[in-house]
C-alpha atoms as a PDB file:
ATOM      1  CA  MET A   1      19.381 -17.719  35.723  1.00  0.00           C
ATOM      2  CA  ASP A   2      18.490 -19.943  38.660  1.00  0.00           C
ATOM      3  CA  ARG A   3      14.974 -18.444  38.636  1.00  0.00           C
ATOM      4  CA  ILE A   4      13.902 -20.171  35.426  1.00  0.00           C
ATOM      5  CA  HIS A   5      12.829 -23.733  34.759  1.00  0.00           C
ATOM      6  CA  ILE A   6      11.975 -24.968  31.270  1.00  0.00           C
ATOM      7  CA  GLU A   7       9.668 -27.942  30.982  1.00  0.00           C
ATOM      8  CA  GLY A   8       9.679 -30.379  28.099  1.00  0.00           C
ATOM      9  CA  ILE A   9       6.788 -30.516  25.649  1.00  0.00           C
ATOM     10  CA  ASP A  10       4.057 -33.029  26.561  1.00  0.00           C
ATOM     11  CA  PRO A  11       3.813 -35.572  23.697  1.00  0.00           C
ATOM     12  CA  GLY A  12       0.239 -36.327  24.745  1.00  0.00           C
ATOM     13  CA  ILE A  13      -0.835 -32.778  23.893  1.00  0.00           C
ATOM     14  CA  ILE A  14       0.963 -32.969  20.559  1.00  0.00           C
ATOM     15  CA  ALA A  15      -0.861 -36.224  19.781  1.00  0.00           C
ATOM     16  CA  ALA A  16      -4.226 -34.713  20.742  1.00  0.00           C
ATOM     17  CA  ALA A  17      -3.545 -31.677  18.548  1.00  0.00           C
ATOM     18  CA  GLN A  18      -2.686 -33.933  15.636  1.00  0.00           C
ATOM     19  CA  GLN A  19      -5.934 -35.824  16.149  1.00  0.00           C
ATOM     20  CA  ARG A  20      -7.916 -32.603  15.959  1.00  0.00           C
ATOM     21  CA  LEU A  21      -6.038 -31.479  12.852  1.00  0.00           C
ATOM     22  CA  ASP A  22      -6.845 -34.796  11.189  1.00  0.00           C
ATOM     23  CA  SER A  23     -10.542 -34.340  12.025  1.00  0.00           C
ATOM     24  CA  LEU A  24     -10.856 -30.966  10.269  1.00  0.00           C
ATOM     25  CA  THR A  25     -12.672 -30.675   6.930  1.00  0.00           C
ATOM     26  CA  LYS A  26      -9.669 -31.169   4.653  1.00  0.00           C
ATOM     27  CA  PRO A  27      -7.448 -33.986   3.454  1.00  0.00           C
ATOM     28  CA  GLN A  28      -4.990 -34.879   6.206  1.00  0.00           C
ATOM     29  CA  GLY A  29      -1.860 -32.726   6.080  1.00  0.00           C
ATOM     30  CA  SER A  30      -3.190 -30.596   3.232  1.00  0.00           C
ATOM     31  CA  LEU A  31      -2.460 -27.308   5.019  1.00  0.00           C
ATOM     32  CA  GLY A  32       1.183 -28.242   5.362  1.00  0.00           C
ATOM     33  CA  ARG A  33       3.211 -26.220   7.801  1.00  0.00           C
ATOM     34  CA  LEU A  34       0.204 -24.263   9.047  1.00  0.00           C
ATOM     35  CA  GLU A  35      -0.811 -27.493  10.742  1.00  0.00           C
ATOM     36  CA  GLU A  36       2.672 -27.870  12.171  1.00  0.00           C
ATOM     37  CA  PHE A  37       2.522 -24.371  13.664  1.00  0.00           C
ATOM     38  CA  ALA A  38      -0.795 -25.101  15.370  1.00  0.00           C
ATOM     39  CA  LYS A  39       0.448 -28.365  16.800  1.00  0.00           C
ATOM     40  CA  CYS A  40       3.599 -26.697  18.100  1.00  0.00           C
ATOM     41  CA  LEU A  41       1.564 -23.962  19.777  1.00  0.00           C
ATOM     42  CA  ALA A  42      -0.519 -26.589  21.578  1.00  0.00           C
ATOM     43  CA  GLY A  43       2.647 -28.220  22.852  1.00  0.00           C
ATOM     44  CA  ILE A  44       4.324 -24.950  23.805  1.00  0.00           C
ATOM     45  CA  THR A  45       1.359 -23.592  25.742  1.00  0.00           C
ATOM     46  CA  GLY A  46       0.443 -26.955  27.235  1.00  0.00           C
ATOM     47  CA  ASN A  47      -3.119 -26.289  26.085  1.00  0.00           C
ATOM     48  CA  ARG A  48      -5.007 -28.573  23.695  1.00  0.00           C
ATOM     49  CA  MET A  49      -6.947 -25.503  22.513  1.00  0.00           C
ATOM     50  CA  PRO A  50      -4.468 -22.616  22.640  1.00  0.00           C
ATOM     51  CA  PRO A  51      -6.080 -19.183  22.898  1.00  0.00           C
ATOM     52  CA  LEU A  52      -5.623 -16.513  20.255  1.00  0.00           C
ATOM     53  CA  PHE A  53      -2.891 -13.982  20.969  1.00  0.00           C
ATOM     54  CA  GLU A  54      -4.482 -10.823  22.354  1.00  0.00           C
ATOM     55  CA  LYS A  55      -1.115  -9.175  23.029  1.00  0.00           C
ATOM     56  CA  LYS A  56       2.131  -9.763  21.198  1.00  0.00           C
ATOM     57  CA  ALA A  57       5.412  -7.882  21.150  1.00  0.00           C
ATOM     58  CA  ILE A  58       8.633  -7.771  19.183  1.00  0.00           C
ATOM     59  CA  PHE A  59      11.612  -6.901  21.355  1.00  0.00           C
ATOM     60  CA  THR A  60      14.339  -5.110  19.428  1.00  0.00           C
ATOM     61  CA  PHE A  61      17.521  -5.208  21.501  1.00  0.00           C
ATOM     62  CA  ALA A  62      20.104  -2.525  20.718  1.00  0.00           C
ATOM     63  CA  GLY A  63      23.810  -2.369  21.468  1.00  0.00           C
ATOM     64  CA  ASP A  64      27.053  -0.972  20.076  1.00  0.00           C
ATOM     65  CA  HIS A  65      30.123  -3.015  19.136  1.00  0.00           C
ATOM     66  CA  GLY A  66      33.759  -2.119  19.654  1.00  0.00           C
ATOM     67  CA  VAL A  67      34.757  -4.236  16.683  1.00  0.00           C
ATOM     68  CA  THR A  68      33.484  -1.424  14.424  1.00  0.00           C
ATOM     69  CA  ASP A  69      36.927   0.110  15.066  1.00  0.00           C
ATOM     70  CA  GLU A  70      38.198  -2.495  12.591  1.00  0.00           C
ATOM     71  CA  GLY A  71      36.182  -1.046   9.712  1.00  0.00           C
ATOM     72  CA  ILE A  72      33.953  -4.087   9.220  1.00  0.00           C
ATOM     73  CA  SER A  73      30.759  -2.153   8.390  1.00  0.00           C
ATOM     74  CA  LEU A  74      29.663   0.387   5.820  1.00  0.00           C
ATOM     75  CA  PHE A  75      28.141   2.475   8.616  1.00  0.00           C
ATOM     76  CA  PRO A  76      29.599   4.113  11.736  1.00  0.00           C
ATOM     77  CA  LYS A  77      28.331   3.094  15.167  1.00  0.00           C
ATOM     78  CA  GLU A  78      26.373   6.373  15.444  1.00  0.00           C
ATOM     79  CA  VAL A  79      23.782   4.792  13.159  1.00  0.00           C
ATOM     80  CA  THR A  80      22.746   2.536  16.056  1.00  0.00           C
ATOM     81  CA  VAL A  81      21.553   5.591  18.004  1.00  0.00           C
ATOM     82  CA  GLN A  82      19.868   7.108  14.965  1.00  0.00           C
ATOM     83  CA  MET A  83      17.998   3.888  14.234  1.00  0.00           C
ATOM     84  CA  VAL A  84      16.794   3.543  17.830  1.00  0.00           C
ATOM     85  CA  TYR A  85      15.184   6.971  17.467  1.00  0.00           C
ATOM     86  CA  ASN A  86      13.676   5.825  14.178  1.00  0.00           C
ATOM     87  CA  PHE A  87      12.143   2.809  15.942  1.00  0.00           C
ATOM     88  CA  LEU A  88      10.733   4.999  18.684  1.00  0.00           C
ATOM     89  CA  GLU A  89       9.204   7.350  16.110  1.00  0.00           C
ATOM     90  CA  GLY A  90       7.619   4.446  14.222  1.00  0.00           C
ATOM     91  CA  GLY A  91       9.503   4.997  10.977  1.00  0.00           C
ATOM     92  CA  ALA A  92      11.586   1.821  10.649  1.00  0.00           C
ATOM     93  CA  GLY A  93      10.895  -1.356   8.711  1.00  0.00           C
ATOM     94  CA  ILE A  94      10.003  -3.217  11.895  1.00  0.00           C
ATOM     95  CA  SER A  95       7.637  -0.401  12.866  1.00  0.00           C
ATOM     96  CA  VAL A  96       5.669  -0.835   9.655  1.00  0.00           C
ATOM     97  CA  LEU A  97       5.552  -4.634   9.724  1.00  0.00           C
ATOM     98  CA  ALA A  98       4.696  -4.803  13.415  1.00  0.00           C
ATOM     99  CA  ARG A  99       1.744  -2.499  12.814  1.00  0.00           C
ATOM    100  CA  HIS A 100       0.767  -4.764   9.930  1.00  0.00           C
ATOM    101  CA  VAL A 101       0.497  -7.809  12.227  1.00  0.00           C
ATOM    102  CA  GLY A 102      -0.785  -5.966  15.295  1.00  0.00           C
ATOM    103  CA  ALA A 103       2.348  -6.365  17.410  1.00  0.00           C
ATOM    104  CA  GLU A 104       4.014  -3.794  19.633  1.00  0.00           C
ATOM    105  CA  VAL A 105       7.665  -2.892  19.130  1.00  0.00           C
ATOM    106  CA  ILE A 106       9.575  -2.674  22.390  1.00  0.00           C
ATOM    107  CA  VAL A 107      13.107  -1.311  22.010  1.00  0.00           C
ATOM    108  CA  VAL A 108      15.606  -2.418  24.641  1.00  0.00           C
ATOM    109  CA  ASP A 109      18.724  -0.302  25.180  1.00  0.00           C
ATOM    110  CA  ILE A 110      20.996  -2.964  26.625  1.00  0.00           C
ATOM    111  CA  GLY A 111      24.313  -1.694  25.314  1.00  0.00           C
ATOM    112  CA  VAL A 112      24.126   1.525  23.281  1.00  0.00           C
ATOM    113  CA  ASP A 113      26.814   4.144  23.855  1.00  0.00           C
ATOM    114  CA  HIS A 114      24.207   6.873  24.304  1.00  0.00           C
ATOM    115  CA  ASN A 115      21.784   8.037  26.985  1.00  0.00           C
ATOM    116  CA  PHE A 116      18.165   7.962  25.813  1.00  0.00           C
ATOM    117  CA  ASP A 117      15.333   9.849  27.461  1.00  0.00           C
ATOM    118  CA  GLU A 118      12.350   7.945  28.798  1.00  0.00           C
ATOM    119  CA  ASN A 119       9.925   6.662  26.184  1.00  0.00           C
ATOM    120  CA  LYS A 120       6.938   4.342  26.570  1.00  0.00           C
ATOM    121  CA  CYS A 121       8.329   2.090  23.823  1.00  0.00           C
ATOM    122  CA  LEU A 122      11.867   1.995  25.257  1.00  0.00           C
ATOM    123  CA  ILE A 123      13.242  -0.181  28.039  1.00  0.00           C
ATOM    124  CA  ARG A 124      16.464   1.290  29.415  1.00  0.00           C
ATOM    125  CA  LYS A 125      18.481  -1.643  30.758  1.00  0.00           C
ATOM    126  CA  LYS A 126      22.009  -0.686  29.782  1.00  0.00           C
ATOM    127  CA  VAL A 127      24.600  -3.275  30.826  1.00  0.00           C
ATOM    128  CA  VAL A 128      27.523  -1.846  28.829  1.00  0.00           C
ATOM    129  CA  ARG A 129      28.100   1.275  26.756  1.00  0.00           C
ATOM    130  CA  GLY A 130      29.064  -0.821  23.774  1.00  0.00           C
ATOM    131  CA  THR A 131      31.285  -3.874  23.820  1.00  0.00           C
ATOM    132  CA  LYS A 132      35.054  -3.744  23.526  1.00  0.00           C
ATOM    133  CA  ASN A 133      36.905  -4.567  20.310  1.00  0.00           C
ATOM    134  CA  MET A 134      37.010  -8.371  20.272  1.00  0.00           C
ATOM    135  CA  ARG A 135      40.034  -8.315  17.984  1.00  0.00           C
ATOM    136  CA  LYS A 136      41.964  -6.762  20.886  1.00  0.00           C
ATOM    137  CA  GLY A 137      40.464  -8.788  23.754  1.00  0.00           C
ATOM    138  CA  PRO A 138      37.144 -10.080  25.113  1.00  0.00           C
ATOM    139  CA  ALA A 139      34.067  -8.148  24.005  1.00  0.00           C
ATOM    140  CA  MET A 140      32.654  -8.279  27.551  1.00  0.00           C
ATOM    141  CA  THR A 141      33.520  -9.656  30.946  1.00  0.00           C
ATOM    142  CA  ARG A 142      31.761 -12.846  31.974  1.00  0.00           C
ATOM    143  CA  ASP A 143      29.763 -10.898  34.546  1.00  0.00           C
ATOM    144  CA  GLU A 144      28.571  -8.463  31.883  1.00  0.00           C
ATOM    145  CA  ALA A 145      27.564 -11.336  29.621  1.00  0.00           C
ATOM    146  CA  VAL A 146      25.570 -12.955  32.432  1.00  0.00           C
ATOM    147  CA  ARG A 147      23.873  -9.649  33.177  1.00  0.00           C
ATOM    148  CA  THR A 148      22.752  -9.265  29.554  1.00  0.00           C
ATOM    149  CA  ILE A 149      21.131 -12.717  29.700  1.00  0.00           C
ATOM    150  CA  GLU A 150      19.494 -11.983  33.028  1.00  0.00           C
ATOM    151  CA  THR A 151      18.168  -8.711  31.613  1.00  0.00           C
ATOM    152  CA  GLY A 152      16.477 -10.578  28.779  1.00  0.00           C
ATOM    153  CA  ILE A 153      15.015 -13.127  31.193  1.00  0.00           C
ATOM    154  CA  GLY A 154      13.636 -10.346  33.372  1.00  0.00           C
ATOM    155  CA  ILE A 155      11.941  -8.658  30.411  1.00  0.00           C
ATOM    156  CA  ALA A 156      10.348 -11.951  29.352  1.00  0.00           C
ATOM    157  CA  LEU A 157       8.982 -12.546  32.841  1.00  0.00           C
ATOM    158  CA  GLN A 158       7.707  -8.959  33.055  1.00  0.00           C
ATOM    159  CA  TYR A 159       5.792  -9.159  29.781  1.00  0.00           C
ATOM    160  CA  ALA A 160       4.479 -12.633  30.550  1.00  0.00           C
ATOM    161  CA  GLU A 161       2.999 -11.155  33.721  1.00  0.00           C
ATOM    162  CA  LYS A 162       1.391  -8.426  31.595  1.00  0.00           C
ATOM    163  CA  GLY A 163      -0.418 -11.067  29.531  1.00  0.00           C
ATOM    164  CA  TYR A 164       1.618 -11.068  26.318  1.00  0.00           C
ATOM    165  CA  GLY A 165       1.274 -14.447  24.628  1.00  0.00           C
ATOM    166  CA  LEU A 166       3.636 -14.234  21.641  1.00  0.00           C
ATOM    167  CA  PHE A 167       7.132 -12.767  21.507  1.00  0.00           C
ATOM    168  CA  GLY A 168       9.371 -11.883  18.582  1.00  0.00           C
ATOM    169  CA  THR A 169      13.047 -10.986  18.680  1.00  0.00           C
ATOM    170  CA  GLY A 170      14.882  -8.252  16.809  1.00  0.00           C
ATOM    171  CA  ASP A 171      18.158  -6.367  16.968  1.00  0.00           C
ATOM    172  CA  MET A 172      19.982  -3.156  16.196  1.00  0.00           C
ATOM    173  CA  GLY A 173      23.714  -2.661  16.436  1.00  0.00           C
ATOM    174  CA  ILE A 174      26.262  -1.670  13.817  1.00  0.00           C
ATOM    175  CA  GLY A 175      28.889  -4.406  13.766  1.00  0.00           C
ATOM    176  CA  ASN A 176      26.639  -7.120  15.114  1.00  0.00           C
ATOM    177  CA  THR A 177      26.827  -9.374  12.058  1.00  0.00           C
ATOM    178  CA  THR A 178      30.541  -9.705  12.841  1.00  0.00           C
ATOM    179  CA  ALA A 179      29.836 -10.760  16.425  1.00  0.00           C
ATOM    180  CA  SER A 180      27.040 -13.076  15.300  1.00  0.00           C
ATOM    181  CA  SER A 181      29.222 -14.726  12.673  1.00  0.00           C
ATOM    182  CA  ALA A 182      31.910 -15.270  15.303  1.00  0.00           C
ATOM    183  CA  ILE A 183      29.330 -16.942  17.552  1.00  0.00           C
ATOM    184  CA  ALA A 184      28.099 -19.034  14.617  1.00  0.00           C
ATOM    185  CA  SER A 185      31.649 -20.171  13.886  1.00  0.00           C
ATOM    186  CA  VAL A 186      32.374 -21.224  17.446  1.00  0.00           C
ATOM    187  CA  MET A 187      28.991 -22.736  18.334  1.00  0.00           C
ATOM    188  CA  THR A 188      28.694 -24.782  15.115  1.00  0.00           C
ATOM    189  CA  GLY A 189      32.350 -25.652  14.680  1.00  0.00           C
ATOM    190  CA  SER A 190      32.433 -23.956  11.273  1.00  0.00           C
ATOM    191  CA  ALA A 191      35.245 -21.946   9.736  1.00  0.00           C
ATOM    192  CA  PRO A 192      34.599 -18.175   9.913  1.00  0.00           C
ATOM    193  CA  ALA A 193      34.635 -17.928   6.120  1.00  0.00           C
ATOM    194  CA  ASP A 194      31.766 -20.435   5.962  1.00  0.00           C
ATOM    195  CA  VAL A 195      29.452 -18.440   8.225  1.00  0.00           C
ATOM    196  CA  THR A 196      30.330 -14.821   7.457  1.00  0.00           C
ATOM    197  CA  GLY A 197      28.391 -12.660   5.020  1.00  0.00           C
ATOM    198  CA  LYS A 198      28.380  -9.094   3.774  1.00  0.00           C
ATOM    199  CA  GLY A 199      26.175  -7.625   6.512  1.00  0.00           C
ATOM    200  CA  THR A 200      25.298  -4.090   5.480  1.00  0.00           C
ATOM    201  CA  GLY A 201      26.487  -4.780   1.921  1.00  0.00           C
ATOM    202  CA  ILE A 202      30.284  -4.554   2.070  1.00  0.00           C
ATOM    203  CA  SER A 203      32.509  -5.362  -0.904  1.00  0.00           C
ATOM    204  CA  ASP A 204      34.228  -8.704  -1.513  1.00  0.00           C
ATOM    205  CA  GLU A 205      37.506  -7.179  -0.351  1.00  0.00           C
ATOM    206  CA  ALA A 206      35.898  -5.897   2.839  1.00  0.00           C
ATOM    207  CA  LEU A 207      34.327  -9.309   3.425  1.00  0.00           C
ATOM    208  CA  GLY A 208      37.786 -10.885   3.361  1.00  0.00           C
ATOM    209  CA  HIS A 209      38.890  -8.359   5.984  1.00  0.00           C
ATOM    210  CA  LYS A 210      35.812  -9.113   8.095  1.00  0.00           C
ATOM    211  CA  VAL A 211      36.622 -12.840   8.035  1.00  0.00           C
ATOM    212  CA  ARG A 212      40.202 -12.133   9.124  1.00  0.00           C
ATOM    213  CA  VAL A 213      38.948  -9.977  12.004  1.00  0.00           C
ATOM    214  CA  ILE A 214      36.744 -12.843  13.184  1.00  0.00           C
ATOM    215  CA  GLU A 215      39.562 -15.366  12.800  1.00  0.00           C
ATOM    216  CA  ASP A 216      41.874 -13.125  14.831  1.00  0.00           C
ATOM    217  CA  ALA A 217      39.250 -12.585  17.562  1.00  0.00           C
ATOM    218  CA  ILE A 218      38.616 -16.304  17.956  1.00  0.00           C
ATOM    219  CA  ALA A 219      42.333 -17.124  17.976  1.00  0.00           C
ATOM    220  CA  LEU A 220      43.089 -14.411  20.521  1.00  0.00           C
ATOM    221  CA  ASN A 221      40.201 -15.039  22.909  1.00  0.00           C
ATOM    222  CA  GLY A 222      39.824 -18.817  22.625  1.00  0.00           C
ATOM    223  CA  PRO A 223      36.059 -18.969  23.313  1.00  0.00           C
ATOM    224  CA  ASN A 224      34.968 -22.327  24.748  1.00  0.00           C
ATOM    225  CA  ARG A 225      32.236 -23.907  22.614  1.00  0.00           C
ATOM    226  CA  THR A 226      30.996 -25.979  25.562  1.00  0.00           C
ATOM    227  CA  ASP A 227      30.470 -22.811  27.623  1.00  0.00           C
ATOM    228  CA  PRO A 228      27.999 -20.549  25.756  1.00  0.00           C
ATOM    229  CA  ILE A 229      28.414 -17.714  28.248  1.00  0.00           C
ATOM    230  CA  ASP A 230      32.151 -17.725  27.592  1.00  0.00           C
ATOM    231  CA  VAL A 231      31.448 -17.503  23.845  1.00  0.00           C
ATOM    232  CA  LEU A 232      29.009 -14.642  24.365  1.00  0.00           C
ATOM    233  CA  ALA A 233      31.458 -12.757  26.571  1.00  0.00           C
ATOM    234  CA  LYS A 234      34.471 -13.139  24.320  1.00  0.00           C
ATOM    235  CA  VAL A 235      33.052 -12.599  20.828  1.00  0.00           C
ATOM    236  CA  GLY A 236      29.389 -11.632  21.310  1.00  0.00           C
ATOM    237  CA  GLY A 237      27.349  -8.547  21.991  1.00  0.00           C
ATOM    238  CA  ALA A 238      25.025  -7.156  24.628  1.00  0.00           C
ATOM    239  CA  GLU A 239      21.947  -7.344  22.400  1.00  0.00           C
ATOM    240  CA  ILE A 240      22.756 -10.972  21.544  1.00  0.00           C
ATOM    241  CA  GLY A 241      22.861 -11.830  25.246  1.00  0.00           C
ATOM    242  CA  GLY A 242      19.576 -10.009  25.822  1.00  0.00           C
ATOM    243  CA  ILE A 243      17.925 -12.010  23.054  1.00  0.00           C
ATOM    244  CA  ALA A 244      19.264 -15.256  24.540  1.00  0.00           C
ATOM    245  CA  GLY A 245      17.777 -14.321  27.891  1.00  0.00           C
ATOM    246  CA  LEU A 246      14.429 -13.360  26.392  1.00  0.00           C
ATOM    247  CA  ILE A 247      14.206 -16.788  24.755  1.00  0.00           C
ATOM    248  CA  LEU A 248      15.051 -18.592  27.986  1.00  0.00           C
ATOM    249  CA  GLY A 249      12.549 -16.505  29.930  1.00  0.00           C
ATOM    250  CA  ALA A 250       9.824 -17.024  27.332  1.00  0.00           C
ATOM    251  CA  ALA A 251      10.351 -20.781  27.359  1.00  0.00           C
ATOM    252  CA  SER A 252      10.122 -20.848  31.146  1.00  0.00           C
ATOM    253  CA  GLN A 253       6.678 -19.224  30.833  1.00  0.00           C
ATOM    254  CA  ARG A 254       5.537 -21.484  27.968  1.00  0.00           C
ATOM    255  CA  ILE A 255       5.428 -18.510  25.597  1.00  0.00           C
ATOM    256  CA  PRO A 256       6.318 -19.090  21.939  1.00  0.00           C
ATOM    257  CA  VAL A 257       9.074 -16.855  20.630  1.00  0.00           C
ATOM    258  CA  VAL A 258       9.647 -16.081  16.941  1.00  0.00           C
ATOM    259  CA  ILE A 259      13.344 -15.738  16.146  1.00  0.00           C
ATOM    260  CA  ASP A 260      14.351 -13.241  13.449  1.00  0.00           C
ATOM    261  CA  GLY A 261      17.565 -13.458  11.404  1.00  0.00           C
ATOM    262  CA  LEU A 262      21.305 -13.872  11.924  1.00  0.00           C
ATOM    263  CA  ILE A 263      21.714 -11.818  15.091  1.00  0.00           C
ATOM    264  CA  SER A 264      18.592 -13.165  16.783  1.00  0.00           C
ATOM    265  CA  THR A 265      19.659 -16.687  15.887  1.00  0.00           C
ATOM    266  CA  ALA A 266      23.075 -16.061  17.417  1.00  0.00           C
ATOM    267  CA  GLY A 267      21.178 -15.251  20.600  1.00  0.00           C
ATOM    268  CA  ALA A 268      19.051 -18.354  20.097  1.00  0.00           C
ATOM    269  CA  ILE A 269      22.054 -20.649  19.781  1.00  0.00           C
ATOM    270  CA  ILE A 270      23.523 -19.200  22.973  1.00  0.00           C
ATOM    271  CA  ALA A 271      20.209 -19.911  24.731  1.00  0.00           C
ATOM    272  CA  TYR A 272      20.123 -23.398  23.204  1.00  0.00           C
ATOM    273  CA  GLY A 273      23.651 -24.052  24.444  1.00  0.00           C
ATOM    274  CA  ILE A 274      22.635 -23.030  27.965  1.00  0.00           C
ATOM    275  CA  GLU A 275      19.353 -25.013  27.962  1.00  0.00           C
ATOM    276  CA  PRO A 276      18.595 -27.184  24.907  1.00  0.00           C
ATOM    277  CA  ALA A 277      14.940 -27.567  25.969  1.00  0.00           C
ATOM    278  CA  CYS A 278      14.269 -23.959  24.947  1.00  0.00           C
ATOM    279  CA  ARG A 279      14.535 -25.002  21.296  1.00  0.00           C
ATOM    280  CA  ASP A 280      11.010 -26.428  21.372  1.00  0.00           C
ATOM    281  CA  TYR A 281       9.622 -22.979  22.212  1.00  0.00           C
ATOM    282  CA  MET A 282      11.189 -21.271  19.186  1.00  0.00           C
ATOM    283  CA  PHE A 283       9.893 -20.602  15.697  1.00  0.00           C
ATOM    284  CA  ALA A 284      12.577 -19.707  13.137  1.00  0.00           C
ATOM    285  CA  ALA A 285      11.019 -16.801  11.259  1.00  0.00           C
ATOM    286  CA  HIS A 286      12.966 -16.908   8.003  1.00  0.00           C
ATOM    287  CA  ASN A 287      16.109 -17.929   6.191  1.00  0.00           C
ATOM    288  CA  SER A 288      18.404 -14.917   5.978  1.00  0.00           C
ATOM    289  CA  VAL A 289      20.759 -14.397   3.059  1.00  0.00           C
ATOM    290  CA  GLU A 290      23.524 -14.282   5.698  1.00  0.00           C
ATOM    291  CA  LYS A 291      24.967 -17.772   5.283  1.00  0.00           C
ATOM    292  CA  GLY A 292      25.810 -18.283   8.948  1.00  0.00           C
ATOM    293  CA  HIS A 293      22.116 -18.071   9.747  1.00  0.00           C
ATOM    294  CA  ARG A 294      21.157 -21.359   8.089  1.00  0.00           C
ATOM    295  CA  VAL A 295      24.168 -23.121   9.631  1.00  0.00           C
ATOM    296  CA  MET A 296      22.951 -22.183  13.120  1.00  0.00           C
ATOM    297  CA  LEU A 297      19.355 -23.153  12.314  1.00  0.00           C
ATOM    298  CA  ASN A 298      20.540 -26.549  11.092  1.00  0.00           C
ATOM    299  CA  THR A 299      22.571 -27.048  14.251  1.00  0.00           C
ATOM    300  CA  MET A 300      19.442 -26.471  16.346  1.00  0.00           C
ATOM    301  CA  GLY A 301      17.162 -28.431  14.003  1.00  0.00           C
ATOM    302  CA  LEU A 302      14.945 -25.447  13.198  1.00  0.00           C
ATOM    303  CA  GLU A 303      13.233 -25.000   9.841  1.00  0.00           C
ATOM    304  CA  PRO A 304      12.486 -21.400   8.811  1.00  0.00           C
ATOM    305  CA  VAL A 305       8.912 -20.326   8.175  1.00  0.00           C
ATOM    306  CA  LEU A 306       9.823 -18.006   5.285  1.00  0.00           C
ATOM    307  CA  ASP A 307      12.584 -17.557   2.719  1.00  0.00           C
ATOM    308  CA  LEU A 308      12.230 -14.071   1.258  1.00  0.00           C
ATOM    309  CA  GLY A 309      15.837 -12.991   0.818  1.00  0.00           C
ATOM    310  CA  LEU A 310      15.660 -10.785   3.929  1.00  0.00           C
ATOM    311  CA  ARG A 311      18.703  -9.373   5.726  1.00  0.00           C
ATOM    312  CA  LEU A 312      17.424  -6.270   7.491  1.00  0.00           C
ATOM    313  CA  GLY A 313      17.102  -7.580  11.035  1.00  0.00           C
ATOM    314  CA  GLU A 314      15.224  -5.398  13.558  1.00  0.00           C
ATOM    315  CA  GLY A 315      12.626  -8.192  13.940  1.00  0.00           C
ATOM    316  CA  THR A 316      11.142  -7.733  10.465  1.00  0.00           C
ATOM    317  CA  GLY A 317      11.195 -11.433   9.624  1.00  0.00           C
ATOM    318  CA  ALA A 318       9.668 -12.263  12.991  1.00  0.00           C
ATOM    319  CA  ALA A 319       6.761  -9.906  12.333  1.00  0.00           C
ATOM    320  CA  LEU A 320       6.035 -11.493   8.964  1.00  0.00           C
ATOM    321  CA  ALA A 321       6.231 -15.024  10.354  1.00  0.00           C
ATOM    322  CA  MET A 322       3.883 -14.145  13.199  1.00  0.00           C
ATOM    323  CA  SER A 323       1.052 -13.687  10.709  1.00  0.00           C
ATOM    324  CA  LEU A 324       1.446 -17.242   9.377  1.00  0.00           C
ATOM    325  CA  ILE A 325       1.832 -18.762  12.833  1.00  0.00           C
ATOM    326  CA  GLU A 326      -1.394 -17.063  13.871  1.00  0.00           C
ATOM    327  CA  ALA A 327      -3.046 -18.283  10.664  1.00  0.00           C
ATOM    328  CA  GLY A 328      -2.202 -21.832  11.657  1.00  0.00           C
ATOM    329  CA  LEU A 329      -3.708 -21.294  15.085  1.00  0.00           C
ATOM    330  CA  LYS A 330      -6.928 -19.858  13.631  1.00  0.00           C
ATOM    331  CA  ILE A 331      -7.275 -22.823  11.281  1.00  0.00           C
ATOM    332  CA  TYR A 332      -6.875 -25.142  14.259  1.00  0.00           C
ATOM    333  CA  ARG A 333      -9.421 -23.286  16.381  1.00  0.00           C
ATOM    334  CA  GLU A 334     -12.025 -22.162  13.873  1.00  0.00           C
ATOM    335  CA  MET A 335     -12.154 -24.692  11.053  1.00  0.00           C
ATOM    336  CA  ALA A 336     -15.039 -27.136  11.337  1.00  0.00           C
ATOM    337  CA  THR A 337     -14.509 -30.841  11.897  1.00  0.00           C
ATOM    338  CA  PHE A 338     -16.122 -33.404   9.616  1.00  0.00           C
ATOM    339  CA  ASP A 339     -18.708 -34.195  12.278  1.00  0.00           C
ATOM    340  CA  GLU A 340     -19.535 -30.526  12.929  1.00  0.00           C
ATOM    341  CA  ALA A 341     -19.958 -29.760   9.225  1.00  0.00           C
ATOM    342  CA  GLY A 342     -21.753 -32.965   8.361  1.00  0.00           C
ATOM    343  CA  VAL A 343     -19.160 -33.745   5.694  1.00  0.00           C
ATOM    344  CA  SER A 344     -18.315 -37.335   4.854  1.00  0.00           C
ATOM    345  CA  LYS A 345     -14.657 -38.181   5.240  1.00  0.00           C
ATOM    346  CA  GLU A 346     -15.006 -40.496   2.262  1.00  0.00           C
ATOM    347  CA  LEU A 347     -15.599 -37.478  -0.002  1.00  0.00           C
ATOM    348  CA  THR A 348     -12.131 -36.028   0.776  1.00  0.00           C
END
């Protein structure tokens, strides 16, 4: 992680972007958050006239979780493998929505307990073959946790070099809402019951069991809130660490990154804990129905772009939000100013 440096946003560029927005042929502020997106992109890129995104990618990190041994999900861990194949064949929800917005889906095997063959849409960077059961001990060693973050950083730097200008994050891993809720509890100082939801759609009784599993894991492992890597290692997941690294790497390259739902935001809050400056390079895609998601967003001061009742993950919310973020950029770049259009400001 020594190879990255994240610069702060230049307030002068933000001010210049606001001036341009106010000069466009509309009442000031009338395009609401679309204007905010454009201004943020100017600050993130360090460019008063940010270019359109010719290449964009959603990185769906996949990993298995030992905590599935505790029966906290409706589905067995084998579904992780099956869904990775579905991504690679273009049949998943993220596959459809990424095509819709013109983004590539890059699947990252960072911790699946399965050996995948080579595929042009798959990055094989396995750090662990699934985490250990965090109710019995740490999910990963500290070294493994660091390696997951470094893997994500490396992927961000690689795709920045290839000319990708907009990143999205996604996830796949049965059991990962349990790990993400544990991270949310520790990193926000909230009780597990206040940040834990039904994940794949478990019953109320199963939800109570899931909360107890998280409570036991936190009590047993004692993750240190002031040390995000310790939290990731003890109650996190490989894909969550990869997402954290991708965010840090993207920020170091001044690339905006659109954060999906609960699991991606768990990665985001780990990245934020490591380097708070990376927050200014993030867009929160949506407000998940998983209640721990909003708690983490509030902790980081991020306001979601959308609120559609989503809880699928995979990067689906990120794909949808990308379209609106790009809409804001096109307004900023292509809409005429009052002077260019010969329109009197007094008429608006």
